Amino acid sequence: MPSLTSSLAAMRIKFAKTLPAKASAVTNAHFEHLRAQAMDGIKKIGDRAPTFELRDGTGQMVSSAALLSNGPLVVSFTRGSWCPYCTEEVKALNAAYEQFRALGAELVVMSPQTQERAAKQTQAMGLKFSVLSDEKSVIAKAFGLAYQLPDDLKDVYQHVFKIDLSRVNAGAEWTLPIPARLVIDRQSVIRDIKADPDYRYRPEPSDTVAVLRAL
């Protein structure tokens, strides 16, 4: 199985050939804007993690407090099942899930997509962990990861990517999280966080495994 890094690299090459130059310029400018304006607001290593209670695709409530009572927690913030880069990461996390569990950790993936979409993603991909619906990006905002799409980027999503986030997202908002993966210890302290405004890049699951081993 190819590494997540190599899979995402191939995906970047593939989509670069089809993305119009104007749309590429808009998305790249937005990446740089987020790097300059949003990164300082994201929770840091050593910060206490905000608690959450969110529903998965089955409607069951999943609590961070309950999960942390059993061991460390890995949280992956993704954009939704419509995003191919997110889907590739979720696939890689699913393959690594048993390594997380062997180290006593649990994993959840969350996005602003609806519960229905979370349920379809879980079933279609045979996921072993909970996919949570972060309606109106409330939890992403608490971690400092959420951003509102500006009009030029919204136009790219609607007319180039053919994605209407007001229909995809629970709460009908044009808000997305900066993709991020965190390791939270049993005392609710963030022990690792990797966040990148450029959603085309993600850390390897093995990076997260290494953090868990060091706890």
N, C-alpha and C. Protein backbone atom coordinates (compact mmCIF):
# COMPACT_ATOMS: atom_id res chain seq x y z
N MET A 1 0.84 -1.20 0.00
CA MET A 1 0.00 0.00 0.00
C MET A 1 0.88 1.25 0.00
N PRO A 2 0.66 2.17 -0.96
CA PRO A 2 1.48 3.39 -1.00
C PRO A 2 1.25 4.25 0.23
N SER A 3 2.27 5.05 0.57
CA SER A 3 2.14 5.94 1.71
C SER A 3 1.11 7.03 1.41
N LEU A 4 0.58 7.64 2.46
CA LEU A 4 -0.35 8.74 2.28
C LEU A 4 0.33 9.88 1.53
N THR A 5 1.59 10.14 1.85
CA THR A 5 2.33 11.22 1.19
C THR A 5 2.40 11.00 -0.32
N SER A 6 2.71 9.79 -0.74
CA SER A 6 2.83 9.52 -2.17
C SER A 6 1.46 9.54 -2.85
N SER A 7 0.43 9.05 -2.17
CA SER A 7 -0.92 9.08 -2.75
C SER A 7 -1.39 10.52 -2.96
N LEU A 8 -1.13 11.37 -1.97
CA LEU A 8 -1.54 12.78 -2.10
C LEU A 8 -0.72 13.49 -3.17
N ALA A 9 0.54 13.14 -3.31
CA ALA A 9 1.38 13.75 -4.35
C ALA A 9 0.83 13.41 -5.73
N ALA A 10 0.44 12.16 -5.93
CA ALA A 10 -0.14 11.76 -7.21
C ALA A 10 -1.45 12.49 -7.47
N MET A 11 -2.21 12.68 -6.42
CA MET A 11 -3.49 13.37 -6.55
C MET A 11 -3.28 14.85 -6.91
N ARG A 12 -2.27 15.47 -6.32
CA ARG A 12 -1.99 16.88 -6.65
C ARG A 12 -1.62 17.02 -8.13
N ILE A 13 -0.82 16.10 -8.62
CA ILE A 13 -0.42 16.14 -10.03
C ILE A 13 -1.65 15.97 -10.93
N LYS A 14 -2.49 15.03 -10.57
CA LYS A 14 -3.69 14.75 -11.37
C LYS A 14 -4.61 15.97 -11.46
N PHE A 15 -4.89 16.58 -10.31
CA PHE A 15 -5.85 17.69 -10.31
C PHE A 15 -5.24 18.98 -10.86
N ALA A 16 -3.91 19.13 -10.76
CA ALA A 16 -3.26 20.32 -11.30
C ALA A 16 -3.44 20.42 -12.81
N LYS A 17 -3.60 19.27 -13.46
CA LYS A 17 -3.76 19.25 -14.91
C LYS A 17 -5.14 19.72 -15.36
N THR A 18 -6.11 19.67 -14.46
CA THR A 18 -7.49 20.00 -14.85
C THR A 18 -8.01 21.30 -14.23
N LEU A 19 -7.33 21.80 -13.19
CA LEU A 19 -7.81 23.01 -12.51
C LEU A 19 -7.45 24.24 -13.33
N PRO A 20 -8.44 25.07 -13.69
CA PRO A 20 -8.16 26.30 -14.44
C PRO A 20 -7.20 27.21 -13.69
N ALA A 21 -6.40 27.95 -14.44
CA ALA A 21 -5.36 28.80 -13.84
C ALA A 21 -5.95 29.82 -12.87
N LYS A 22 -7.09 30.40 -13.21
CA LYS A 22 -7.70 31.40 -12.33
C LYS A 22 -8.14 30.77 -11.02
N ALA A 23 -8.75 29.59 -11.08
CA ALA A 23 -9.19 28.90 -9.87
C ALA A 23 -7.99 28.52 -9.01
N SER A 24 -6.90 28.08 -9.65
CA SER A 24 -5.69 27.73 -8.92
C SER A 24 -5.12 28.95 -8.21
N ALA A 25 -5.14 30.10 -8.87
CA ALA A 25 -4.63 31.33 -8.26
C ALA A 25 -5.45 31.72 -7.04
N VAL A 26 -6.76 31.57 -7.14
CA VAL A 26 -7.64 31.92 -6.02
C VAL A 26 -7.38 31.01 -4.83
N THR A 27 -7.30 29.70 -5.07
CA THR A 27 -7.08 28.76 -3.97
C THR A 27 -5.70 28.95 -3.33
N ASN A 28 -4.68 29.18 -4.15
CA ASN A 28 -3.33 29.38 -3.60
C ASN A 28 -3.25 30.66 -2.78
N ALA A 29 -3.93 31.71 -3.25
CA ALA A 29 -3.95 32.96 -2.49
C ALA A 29 -4.65 32.77 -1.15
N HIS A 30 -5.68 31.92 -1.14
CA HIS A 30 -6.41 31.67 0.10
C HIS A 30 -5.54 30.88 1.08
N PHE A 31 -4.76 29.92 0.57
CA PHE A 31 -3.84 29.20 1.45
C PHE A 31 -2.90 30.18 2.15
N GLU A 32 -2.33 31.10 1.38
CA GLU A 32 -1.38 32.05 1.95
C GLU A 32 -2.06 33.00 2.93
N HIS A 33 -3.29 33.39 2.62
CA HIS A 33 -4.04 34.25 3.55
C HIS A 33 -4.24 33.55 4.88
N LEU A 34 -4.63 32.27 4.84
CA LEU A 34 -4.84 31.53 6.08
C LEU A 34 -3.53 31.36 6.85
N ARG A 35 -2.45 31.12 6.14
CA ARG A 35 -1.15 30.99 6.82
C ARG A 35 -0.80 32.28 7.56
N ALA A 36 -1.11 33.40 6.95
CA ALA A 36 -0.75 34.69 7.54
C ALA A 36 -1.71 35.12 8.64
N GLN A 37 -3.01 34.76 8.51
CA GLN A 37 -4.02 35.33 9.39
C GLN A 37 -4.62 34.35 10.40
N ALA A 38 -4.58 33.05 10.12
CA ALA A 38 -5.36 32.12 10.94
C ALA A 38 -4.53 31.20 11.84
N MET A 39 -3.28 30.95 11.49
CA MET A 39 -2.52 29.93 12.20
C MET A 39 -2.28 30.26 13.67
N ASP A 40 -2.10 31.54 13.99
CA ASP A 40 -1.84 31.92 15.38
C ASP A 40 -3.02 31.65 16.30
N GLY A 41 -4.22 31.54 15.73
CA GLY A 41 -5.40 31.31 16.55
C GLY A 41 -5.68 29.85 16.85
N ILE A 42 -4.90 28.95 16.27
CA ILE A 42 -5.11 27.51 16.46
C ILE A 42 -4.53 27.07 17.80
N LYS A 43 -5.22 26.16 18.46
CA LYS A 43 -4.72 25.60 19.72
C LYS A 43 -3.32 25.02 19.52
N LYS A 44 -2.50 25.13 20.57
CA LYS A 44 -1.11 24.72 20.50
C LYS A 44 -0.84 23.50 21.39
N ILE A 45 0.31 22.88 21.16
CA ILE A 45 0.77 21.81 22.04
C ILE A 45 0.88 22.35 23.46
N GLY A 46 0.32 21.63 24.41
CA GLY A 46 0.32 22.06 25.81
C GLY A 46 -0.98 22.72 26.22
N ASP A 47 -1.79 23.17 25.26
CA ASP A 47 -3.11 23.74 25.57
C ASP A 47 -4.06 22.63 25.98
N ARG A 48 -5.07 23.01 26.77
CA ARG A 48 -6.15 22.07 27.05
C ARG A 48 -7.08 22.02 25.84
N ALA A 49 -7.49 20.82 25.50
CA ALA A 49 -8.38 20.64 24.34
C ALA A 49 -9.82 20.94 24.74
N PRO A 50 -10.54 21.69 23.95
CA PRO A 50 -11.98 21.87 24.20
C PRO A 50 -12.69 20.52 24.19
N THR A 51 -13.66 20.37 25.06
CA THR A 51 -14.45 19.13 25.08
C THR A 51 -15.49 19.18 23.96
N PHE A 52 -15.99 18.02 23.59
CA PHE A 52 -17.05 18.00 22.58
C PHE A 52 -17.98 16.82 22.80
N GLU A 53 -19.21 17.00 22.36
CA GLU A 53 -20.22 15.96 22.26
C GLU A 53 -20.89 16.14 20.91
N LEU A 54 -20.66 15.21 20.02
CA LEU A 54 -21.18 15.29 18.67
C LEU A 54 -21.83 13.96 18.28
N ARG A 55 -22.72 14.03 17.32
CA ARG A 55 -23.38 12.81 16.84
C ARG A 55 -22.63 12.23 15.65
N ASP A 56 -22.60 10.90 15.62
CA ASP A 56 -22.03 10.22 14.46
C ASP A 56 -23.12 9.98 13.42
N GLY A 57 -22.81 9.24 12.39
CA GLY A 57 -23.77 9.03 11.32
C GLY A 57 -25.01 8.27 11.74
N THR A 58 -24.93 7.51 12.83
CA THR A 58 -26.09 6.76 13.31
C THR A 58 -26.96 7.58 14.25
N GLY A 59 -26.49 8.78 14.57
CA GLY A 59 -27.23 9.62 15.52
C GLY A 59 -26.78 9.44 16.95
N GLN A 60 -25.83 8.53 17.18
CA GLN A 60 -25.33 8.30 18.53
C GLN A 60 -24.43 9.45 18.96
N MET A 61 -24.56 9.89 20.22
CA MET A 61 -23.74 10.97 20.75
C MET A 61 -22.38 10.40 21.17
N VAL A 62 -21.33 11.06 20.73
CA VAL A 62 -19.96 10.66 21.06
C VAL A 62 -19.33 11.78 21.88
N SER A 63 -18.82 11.44 23.06
CA SER A 63 -18.28 12.43 23.98
C SER A 63 -16.77 12.28 24.10
N SER A 64 -16.07 13.41 24.00
CA SER A 64 -14.61 13.36 24.17
C SER A 64 -14.24 12.93 25.58
N ALA A 65 -15.02 13.37 26.57
CA ALA A 65 -14.73 13.00 27.96
C ALA A 65 -14.80 11.49 28.15
N ALA A 66 -15.81 10.86 27.57
CA ALA A 66 -15.96 9.41 27.68
C ALA A 66 -14.80 8.69 26.99
N LEU A 67 -14.41 9.17 25.82
CA LEU A 67 -13.31 8.54 25.09
C LEU A 67 -11.99 8.69 25.85
N LEU A 68 -11.75 9.87 26.41
CA LEU A 68 -10.50 10.12 27.11
C LEU A 68 -10.41 9.38 28.44
N SER A 69 -11.53 8.94 28.95
CA SER A 69 -11.50 8.15 30.20
C SER A 69 -10.84 6.80 29.98
N ASN A 70 -10.73 6.39 28.72
CA ASN A 70 -10.15 5.08 28.39
C ASN A 70 -8.74 5.16 27.84
N GLY A 71 -8.28 6.38 27.48
CA GLY A 71 -6.94 6.50 26.91
C GLY A 71 -6.82 7.73 26.05
N PRO A 72 -5.67 7.92 25.40
CA PRO A 72 -5.47 9.08 24.53
C PRO A 72 -6.47 9.08 23.37
N LEU A 73 -6.62 10.25 22.79
CA LEU A 73 -7.57 10.42 21.69
C LEU A 73 -6.90 11.11 20.51
N VAL A 74 -7.05 10.53 19.34
CA VAL A 74 -6.61 11.16 18.10
C VAL A 74 -7.84 11.76 17.44
N VAL A 75 -7.76 13.04 17.09
CA VAL A 75 -8.87 13.73 16.44
C VAL A 75 -8.38 14.26 15.10
N SER A 76 -9.08 13.91 14.05
CA SER A 76 -8.76 14.40 12.71
C SER A 76 -9.90 15.29 12.22
N PHE A 77 -9.58 16.55 11.97
CA PHE A 77 -10.54 17.48 11.37
C PHE A 77 -10.39 17.43 9.86
N THR A 78 -11.47 17.04 9.17
CA THR A 78 -11.46 16.99 7.71
C THR A 78 -12.58 17.87 7.16
N ARG A 79 -12.56 18.07 5.86
CA ARG A 79 -13.53 18.94 5.21
C ARG A 79 -14.83 18.22 4.87
N GLY A 80 -14.75 16.91 4.67
CA GLY A 80 -15.94 16.14 4.34
C GLY A 80 -15.62 15.06 3.32
N SER A 81 -16.54 14.14 3.14
CA SER A 81 -16.33 13.01 2.24
C SER A 81 -16.27 13.42 0.78
N TRP A 82 -16.72 14.63 0.45
CA TRP A 82 -16.67 15.14 -0.92
C TRP A 82 -15.24 15.52 -1.33
N CYS A 83 -14.35 15.71 -0.35
CA CYS A 83 -12.98 16.16 -0.61
C CYS A 83 -12.08 14.94 -0.84
N PRO A 84 -11.52 14.77 -2.04
CA PRO A 84 -10.73 13.56 -2.30
C PRO A 84 -9.48 13.46 -1.43
N TYR A 85 -8.89 14.59 -1.07
CA TYR A 85 -7.71 14.56 -0.21
C TYR A 85 -8.08 14.07 1.19
N CYS A 86 -9.24 14.52 1.67
CA CYS A 86 -9.72 14.06 2.98
C CYS A 86 -10.04 12.58 2.95
N THR A 87 -10.66 12.13 1.88
CA THR A 87 -11.00 10.72 1.75
C THR A 87 -9.75 9.85 1.75
N GLU A 88 -8.70 10.34 1.10
CA GLU A 88 -7.45 9.58 1.07
C GLU A 88 -6.84 9.49 2.48
N GLU A 89 -6.91 10.60 3.23
CA GLU A 89 -6.40 10.57 4.59
C GLU A 89 -7.22 9.62 5.47
N VAL A 90 -8.54 9.68 5.35
CA VAL A 90 -9.41 8.82 6.15
C VAL A 90 -9.12 7.35 5.84
N LYS A 91 -8.88 7.05 4.59
CA LYS A 91 -8.53 5.68 4.19
C LYS A 91 -7.25 5.23 4.88
N ALA A 92 -6.25 6.12 4.90
CA ALA A 92 -4.97 5.80 5.53
C ALA A 92 -5.13 5.64 7.04
N LEU A 93 -5.96 6.48 7.66
CA LEU A 93 -6.21 6.36 9.09
C LEU A 93 -6.93 5.05 9.42
N ASN A 94 -7.83 4.65 8.56
CA ASN A 94 -8.53 3.39 8.76
C ASN A 94 -7.56 2.21 8.73
N ALA A 95 -6.59 2.29 7.83
CA ALA A 95 -5.59 1.23 7.73
C ALA A 95 -4.69 1.19 8.96
N ALA A 96 -4.49 2.35 9.58
CA ALA A 96 -3.61 2.44 10.75
C ALA A 96 -4.35 2.31 12.07
N TYR A 97 -5.66 2.18 12.01
CA TYR A 97 -6.48 2.24 13.22
C TYR A 97 -6.06 1.21 14.27
N GLU A 98 -5.77 0.01 13.87
CA GLU A 98 -5.41 -1.03 14.84
C GLU A 98 -4.10 -0.69 15.54
N GLN A 99 -3.22 0.05 14.88
CA GLN A 99 -1.98 0.49 15.55
C GLN A 99 -2.32 1.49 16.65
N PHE A 100 -3.27 2.39 16.39
CA PHE A 100 -3.70 3.33 17.42
C PHE A 100 -4.29 2.58 18.61
N ARG A 101 -5.15 1.61 18.32
CA ARG A 101 -5.82 0.87 19.39
C ARG A 101 -4.81 0.05 20.21
N ALA A 102 -3.79 -0.48 19.53
CA ALA A 102 -2.77 -1.26 20.24
C ALA A 102 -2.01 -0.40 21.24
N LEU A 103 -1.99 0.90 21.01
CA LEU A 103 -1.32 1.84 21.91
C LEU A 103 -2.31 2.47 22.89
N GLY A 104 -3.52 1.93 22.94
CA GLY A 104 -4.51 2.39 23.90
C GLY A 104 -5.29 3.62 23.49
N ALA A 105 -5.13 4.06 22.26
CA ALA A 105 -5.76 5.30 21.80
C ALA A 105 -7.01 5.01 20.97
N GLU A 106 -7.92 5.98 20.98
CA GLU A 106 -9.10 5.95 20.12
C GLU A 106 -8.95 7.06 19.07
N LEU A 107 -9.70 6.93 18.00
CA LEU A 107 -9.66 7.88 16.89
C LEU A 107 -11.06 8.31 16.53
N VAL A 108 -11.23 9.60 16.28
CA VAL A 108 -12.46 10.10 15.68
C VAL A 108 -12.09 11.06 14.55
N VAL A 109 -12.92 11.07 13.55
CA VAL A 109 -12.79 12.01 12.44
C VAL A 109 -14.03 12.89 12.45
N MET A 110 -13.85 14.19 12.30
CA MET A 110 -15.02 15.06 12.26
C MET A 110 -14.93 16.05 11.12
N SER A 111 -16.10 16.44 10.63
CA SER A 111 -16.20 17.44 9.58
C SER A 111 -17.55 18.12 9.73
N PRO A 112 -17.75 19.24 9.03
CA PRO A 112 -19.05 19.91 9.11
C PRO A 112 -20.15 19.27 8.28
N GLN A 113 -19.86 18.17 7.61
CA GLN A 113 -20.87 17.54 6.77
C GLN A 113 -22.02 16.97 7.60
N THR A 114 -23.13 16.73 6.96
CA THR A 114 -24.32 16.24 7.64
C THR A 114 -24.12 14.83 8.18
N GLN A 115 -24.97 14.45 9.13
CA GLN A 115 -24.92 13.09 9.66
C GLN A 115 -25.16 12.06 8.57
N GLU A 116 -26.04 12.38 7.63
CA GLU A 116 -26.34 11.45 6.54
C GLU A 116 -25.08 11.17 5.71
N ARG A 117 -24.33 12.20 5.44
CA ARG A 117 -23.09 12.02 4.68
C ARG A 117 -22.05 11.26 5.50
N ALA A 118 -22.02 11.54 6.80
CA ALA A 118 -21.10 10.81 7.68
C ALA A 118 -21.43 9.32 7.67
N ALA A 119 -22.73 9.00 7.70
CA ALA A 119 -23.16 7.60 7.69
C ALA A 119 -22.78 6.92 6.38
N LYS A 120 -22.98 7.61 5.26
CA LYS A 120 -22.64 7.03 3.96
C LYS A 120 -21.14 6.80 3.84
N GLN A 121 -20.35 7.76 4.34
CA GLN A 121 -18.90 7.61 4.29
C GLN A 121 -18.45 6.41 5.12
N THR A 122 -19.00 6.29 6.32
CA THR A 122 -18.64 5.19 7.22
C THR A 122 -18.93 3.84 6.57
N GLN A 123 -20.11 3.73 5.98
CA GLN A 123 -20.51 2.46 5.36
C GLN A 123 -19.71 2.17 4.10
N ALA A 124 -19.57 3.18 3.24
CA ALA A 124 -18.91 2.97 1.95
C ALA A 124 -17.44 2.61 2.12
N MET A 125 -16.78 3.18 3.15
CA MET A 125 -15.36 2.95 3.34
C MET A 125 -15.06 1.88 4.38
N GLY A 126 -16.11 1.33 5.00
CA GLY A 126 -15.90 0.31 6.02
C GLY A 126 -15.07 0.82 7.18
N LEU A 127 -15.39 2.01 7.66
CA LEU A 127 -14.57 2.65 8.70
C LEU A 127 -14.78 2.00 10.05
N LYS A 128 -13.70 1.91 10.81
CA LYS A 128 -13.71 1.24 12.11
C LYS A 128 -13.91 2.22 13.26
N PHE A 129 -13.97 3.49 12.98
CA PHE A 129 -14.04 4.54 13.99
C PHE A 129 -15.22 5.47 13.70
N SER A 130 -15.51 6.35 14.64
CA SER A 130 -16.66 7.25 14.50
C SER A 130 -16.31 8.43 13.58
N VAL A 131 -17.25 8.74 12.69
CA VAL A 131 -17.18 9.95 11.87
C VAL A 131 -18.25 10.89 12.40
N LEU A 132 -17.84 12.02 12.92
CA LEU A 132 -18.73 12.92 13.63
C LEU A 132 -19.12 14.12 12.78
N SER A 133 -20.34 14.59 12.99
CA SER A 133 -20.86 15.75 12.27
C SER A 133 -20.75 16.98 13.17
N ASP A 134 -19.84 17.88 12.80
CA ASP A 134 -19.60 19.11 13.56
C ASP A 134 -20.46 20.22 12.97
N GLU A 135 -21.74 20.23 13.35
CA GLU A 135 -22.68 21.19 12.77
C GLU A 135 -22.26 22.62 13.05
N LYS A 136 -22.26 23.42 11.97
CA LYS A 136 -21.83 24.83 12.02
C LYS A 136 -20.38 24.99 12.49
N SER A 137 -19.61 23.91 12.39
CA SER A 137 -18.18 23.93 12.73
C SER A 137 -17.93 24.45 14.14
N VAL A 138 -18.84 24.14 15.06
CA VAL A 138 -18.73 24.65 16.43
C VAL A 138 -17.43 24.18 17.09
N ILE A 139 -17.09 22.90 16.93
CA ILE A 139 -15.89 22.38 17.58
C ILE A 139 -14.63 22.85 16.84
N ALA A 140 -14.70 22.89 15.53
CA ALA A 140 -13.56 23.43 14.77
C ALA A 140 -13.27 24.87 15.18
N LYS A 141 -14.32 25.65 15.44
CA LYS A 141 -14.13 27.02 15.91
C LYS A 141 -13.47 27.04 17.27
N ALA A 142 -13.87 26.12 18.15
CA ALA A 142 -13.30 26.06 19.50
C ALA A 142 -11.80 25.75 19.46
N PHE A 143 -11.38 24.98 18.46
CA PHE A 143 -9.96 24.67 18.30
C PHE A 143 -9.23 25.72 17.48
N GLY A 144 -9.94 26.73 16.99
CA GLY A 144 -9.33 27.79 16.19
C GLY A 144 -9.08 27.41 14.75
N LEU A 145 -9.79 26.39 14.26
CA LEU A 145 -9.52 25.85 12.93
C LEU A 145 -10.51 26.30 11.86
N ALA A 146 -11.66 26.83 12.23
CA ALA A 146 -12.72 27.11 11.25
C ALA A 146 -12.50 28.45 10.56
N TYR A 147 -12.88 28.50 9.30
CA TYR A 147 -12.84 29.76 8.55
C TYR A 147 -14.02 29.84 7.60
N GLN A 148 -14.44 31.05 7.34
CA GLN A 148 -15.53 31.31 6.40
C GLN A 148 -14.95 31.53 5.01
N LEU A 149 -15.52 30.88 4.02
CA LEU A 149 -15.01 31.04 2.66
C LEU A 149 -15.38 32.41 2.11
N PRO A 150 -14.39 33.16 1.57
CA PRO A 150 -14.70 34.44 0.92
C PRO A 150 -15.42 34.21 -0.41
N ASP A 151 -15.97 35.27 -0.96
CA ASP A 151 -16.81 35.15 -2.16
C ASP A 151 -16.07 34.56 -3.36
N ASP A 152 -14.80 34.95 -3.56
CA ASP A 152 -14.08 34.43 -4.74
C ASP A 152 -13.82 32.94 -4.61
N LEU A 153 -13.54 32.48 -3.39
CA LEU A 153 -13.33 31.05 -3.19
C LEU A 153 -14.65 30.29 -3.26
N LYS A 154 -15.70 30.89 -2.75
CA LYS A 154 -17.02 30.28 -2.84
C LYS A 154 -17.40 30.06 -4.31
N ASP A 155 -17.06 31.03 -5.14
CA ASP A 155 -17.35 30.92 -6.57
C ASP A 155 -16.59 29.74 -7.20
N VAL A 156 -15.34 29.54 -6.80
CA VAL A 156 -14.56 28.42 -7.30
C VAL A 156 -15.20 27.09 -6.89
N TYR A 157 -15.63 27.01 -5.64
CA TYR A 157 -16.24 25.77 -5.15
C TYR A 157 -17.54 25.46 -5.90
N GLN A 158 -18.33 26.48 -6.13
CA GLN A 158 -19.62 26.26 -6.79
C GLN A 158 -19.47 25.94 -8.27
N HIS A 159 -18.62 26.68 -8.96
CA HIS A 159 -18.60 26.59 -10.42
C HIS A 159 -17.45 25.76 -10.99
N VAL A 160 -16.41 25.51 -10.21
CA VAL A 160 -15.31 24.68 -10.69
C VAL A 160 -15.33 23.32 -9.99
N PHE A 161 -15.38 23.32 -8.66
CA PHE A 161 -15.43 22.06 -7.91
C PHE A 161 -16.84 21.44 -7.90
N LYS A 162 -17.84 22.26 -8.24
CA LYS A 162 -19.24 21.81 -8.25
C LYS A 162 -19.69 21.33 -6.87
N ILE A 163 -19.27 22.06 -5.83
CA ILE A 163 -19.62 21.74 -4.45
C ILE A 163 -20.37 22.93 -3.85
N ASP A 164 -21.58 22.68 -3.38
CA ASP A 164 -22.37 23.70 -2.69
C ASP A 164 -22.36 23.35 -1.20
N LEU A 165 -21.49 24.02 -0.45
CA LEU A 165 -21.33 23.68 0.95
C LEU A 165 -22.57 23.97 1.78
N SER A 166 -23.43 24.86 1.30
CA SER A 166 -24.66 25.15 2.03
C SER A 166 -25.60 23.94 2.02
N ARG A 167 -25.38 23.01 1.08
CA ARG A 167 -26.18 21.78 1.03
C ARG A 167 -25.44 20.60 1.64
N VAL A 168 -24.13 20.63 1.57
CA VAL A 168 -23.31 19.52 2.08
C VAL A 168 -23.17 19.59 3.60
N ASN A 169 -23.00 20.82 4.11
CA ASN A 169 -22.71 21.00 5.52
C ASN A 169 -23.97 21.02 6.38
N ALA A 170 -23.87 20.42 7.56
CA ALA A 170 -24.94 20.55 8.55
C ALA A 170 -24.94 22.00 9.06
N GLY A 171 -26.10 22.65 9.01
CA GLY A 171 -26.17 24.05 9.39
C GLY A 171 -26.10 24.99 8.21
N ALA A 172 -25.89 24.43 7.01
CA ALA A 172 -25.94 25.19 5.76
C ALA A 172 -24.99 26.37 5.75
N GLU A 173 -23.79 26.20 6.32
CA GLU A 173 -22.81 27.29 6.36
C GLU A 173 -21.68 27.06 5.37
N TRP A 174 -21.14 28.16 4.87
CA TRP A 174 -19.96 28.10 4.01
C TRP A 174 -18.71 28.22 4.88
N THR A 175 -18.58 27.28 5.79
CA THR A 175 -17.46 27.25 6.72
C THR A 175 -16.78 25.90 6.64
N LEU A 176 -15.45 25.90 6.70
CA LEU A 176 -14.66 24.67 6.67
C LEU A 176 -13.58 24.74 7.74
N PRO A 177 -13.11 23.58 8.18
CA PRO A 177 -11.95 23.58 9.07
C PRO A 177 -10.65 23.54 8.29
N ILE A 178 -9.61 24.17 8.82
CA ILE A 178 -8.27 23.87 8.35
C ILE A 178 -8.00 22.41 8.72
N PRO A 179 -7.64 21.56 7.77
CA PRO A 179 -7.39 20.16 8.11
C PRO A 179 -6.32 20.05 9.19
N ALA A 180 -6.60 19.23 10.19
CA ALA A 180 -5.68 19.10 11.32
C ALA A 180 -5.84 17.74 11.96
N ARG A 181 -4.73 17.26 12.54
CA ARG A 181 -4.77 16.02 13.32
C ARG A 181 -4.11 16.28 14.66
N LEU A 182 -4.81 15.90 15.73
CA LEU A 182 -4.33 16.15 17.08
C LEU A 182 -4.22 14.85 17.87
N VAL A 183 -3.30 14.84 18.81
CA VAL A 183 -3.24 13.80 19.83
C VAL A 183 -3.50 14.48 21.17
N ILE A 184 -4.52 13.99 21.87
CA ILE A 184 -4.93 14.55 23.16
C ILE A 184 -4.73 13.48 24.22
N ASP A 185 -4.04 13.83 25.33
CA ASP A 185 -3.82 12.82 26.36
C ASP A 185 -5.00 12.74 27.31
N ARG A 186 -4.92 11.83 28.26
CA ARG A 186 -6.07 11.55 29.15
C ARG A 186 -6.40 12.72 30.06
N GLN A 187 -5.48 13.66 30.20
CA GLN A 187 -5.75 14.87 30.99
C GLN A 187 -6.27 16.01 30.12
N SER A 188 -6.64 15.68 28.89
CA SER A 188 -7.19 16.65 27.92
C SER A 188 -6.17 17.68 27.46
N VAL A 189 -4.90 17.34 27.55
CA VAL A 189 -3.84 18.22 27.08
C VAL A 189 -3.44 17.82 25.66
N ILE A 190 -3.31 18.81 24.79
CA ILE A 190 -2.90 18.55 23.41
C ILE A 190 -1.41 18.23 23.39
N ARG A 191 -1.07 17.04 22.98
CA ARG A 191 0.33 16.60 22.96
C ARG A 191 0.94 16.71 21.57
N ASP A 192 0.09 16.82 20.55
CA ASP A 192 0.60 17.01 19.19
C ASP A 192 -0.53 17.60 18.35
N ILE A 193 -0.17 18.51 17.46
CA ILE A 193 -1.14 19.03 16.49
C ILE A 193 -0.40 19.38 15.21
N LYS A 194 -0.95 18.89 14.13
CA LYS A 194 -0.42 19.22 12.81
C LYS A 194 -1.58 19.75 11.98
N ALA A 195 -1.48 21.02 11.58
CA ALA A 195 -2.54 21.68 10.82
C ALA A 195 -1.91 22.40 9.63
N ASP A 196 -2.55 22.29 8.48
CA ASP A 196 -2.04 22.93 7.26
C ASP A 196 -3.20 23.50 6.46
N PRO A 197 -3.19 24.82 6.22
CA PRO A 197 -4.26 25.43 5.41
C PRO A 197 -4.35 24.84 4.00
N ASP A 198 -3.25 24.33 3.50
CA ASP A 198 -3.26 23.70 2.17
C ASP A 198 -3.74 22.25 2.35
N TYR A 199 -5.01 22.03 2.05
CA TYR A 199 -5.64 20.74 2.33
C TYR A 199 -5.07 19.60 1.50
N ARG A 200 -4.17 19.90 0.59
CA ARG A 200 -3.59 18.87 -0.27
C ARG A 200 -2.45 18.12 0.41
N TYR A 201 -2.08 18.56 1.61
CA TYR A 201 -0.99 17.93 2.36
C TYR A 201 -1.51 17.46 3.71
N ARG A 202 -1.15 16.25 4.12
CA ARG A 202 -1.57 15.67 5.40
C ARG A 202 -0.40 14.91 6.02
N PRO A 203 -0.32 14.85 7.36
CA PRO A 203 0.72 14.05 7.99
C PRO A 203 0.46 12.56 7.82
N GLU A 204 1.52 11.79 7.86
CA GLU A 204 1.39 10.34 7.78
C GLU A 204 0.77 9.79 9.08
N PRO A 205 -0.04 8.75 9.01
CA PRO A 205 -0.50 8.09 10.23
C PRO A 205 0.66 7.62 11.11
N SER A 206 1.78 7.26 10.49
CA SER A 206 2.94 6.81 11.27
C SER A 206 3.48 7.92 12.16
N ASP A 207 3.32 9.18 11.75
CA ASP A 207 3.72 10.31 12.61
C ASP A 207 2.90 10.31 13.89
N THR A 208 1.61 10.03 13.75
CA THR A 208 0.72 10.00 14.91
C THR A 208 1.03 8.80 15.79
N VAL A 209 1.33 7.67 15.19
CA VAL A 209 1.72 6.49 15.95
C VAL A 209 2.95 6.78 16.80
N ALA A 210 3.92 7.49 16.22
CA ALA A 210 5.14 7.82 16.96
C ALA A 210 4.85 8.69 18.16
N VAL A 211 3.93 9.64 18.03
CA VAL A 211 3.54 10.49 19.15
C VAL A 211 2.88 9.66 20.24
N LEU A 212 2.00 8.77 19.85
CA LEU A 212 1.32 7.91 20.83
C LEU A 212 2.30 7.02 21.58
N ARG A 213 3.29 6.51 20.87
CA ARG A 213 4.29 5.66 21.52
C ARG A 213 5.08 6.44 22.57
N ALA A 214 5.26 7.73 22.33
CA ALA A 214 6.07 8.55 23.24
C ALA A 214 5.31 9.05 24.46
N LEU A 215 3.99 8.85 24.48
CA LEU A 215 3.20 9.33 25.62
C LEU A 215 3.53 8.55 26.89
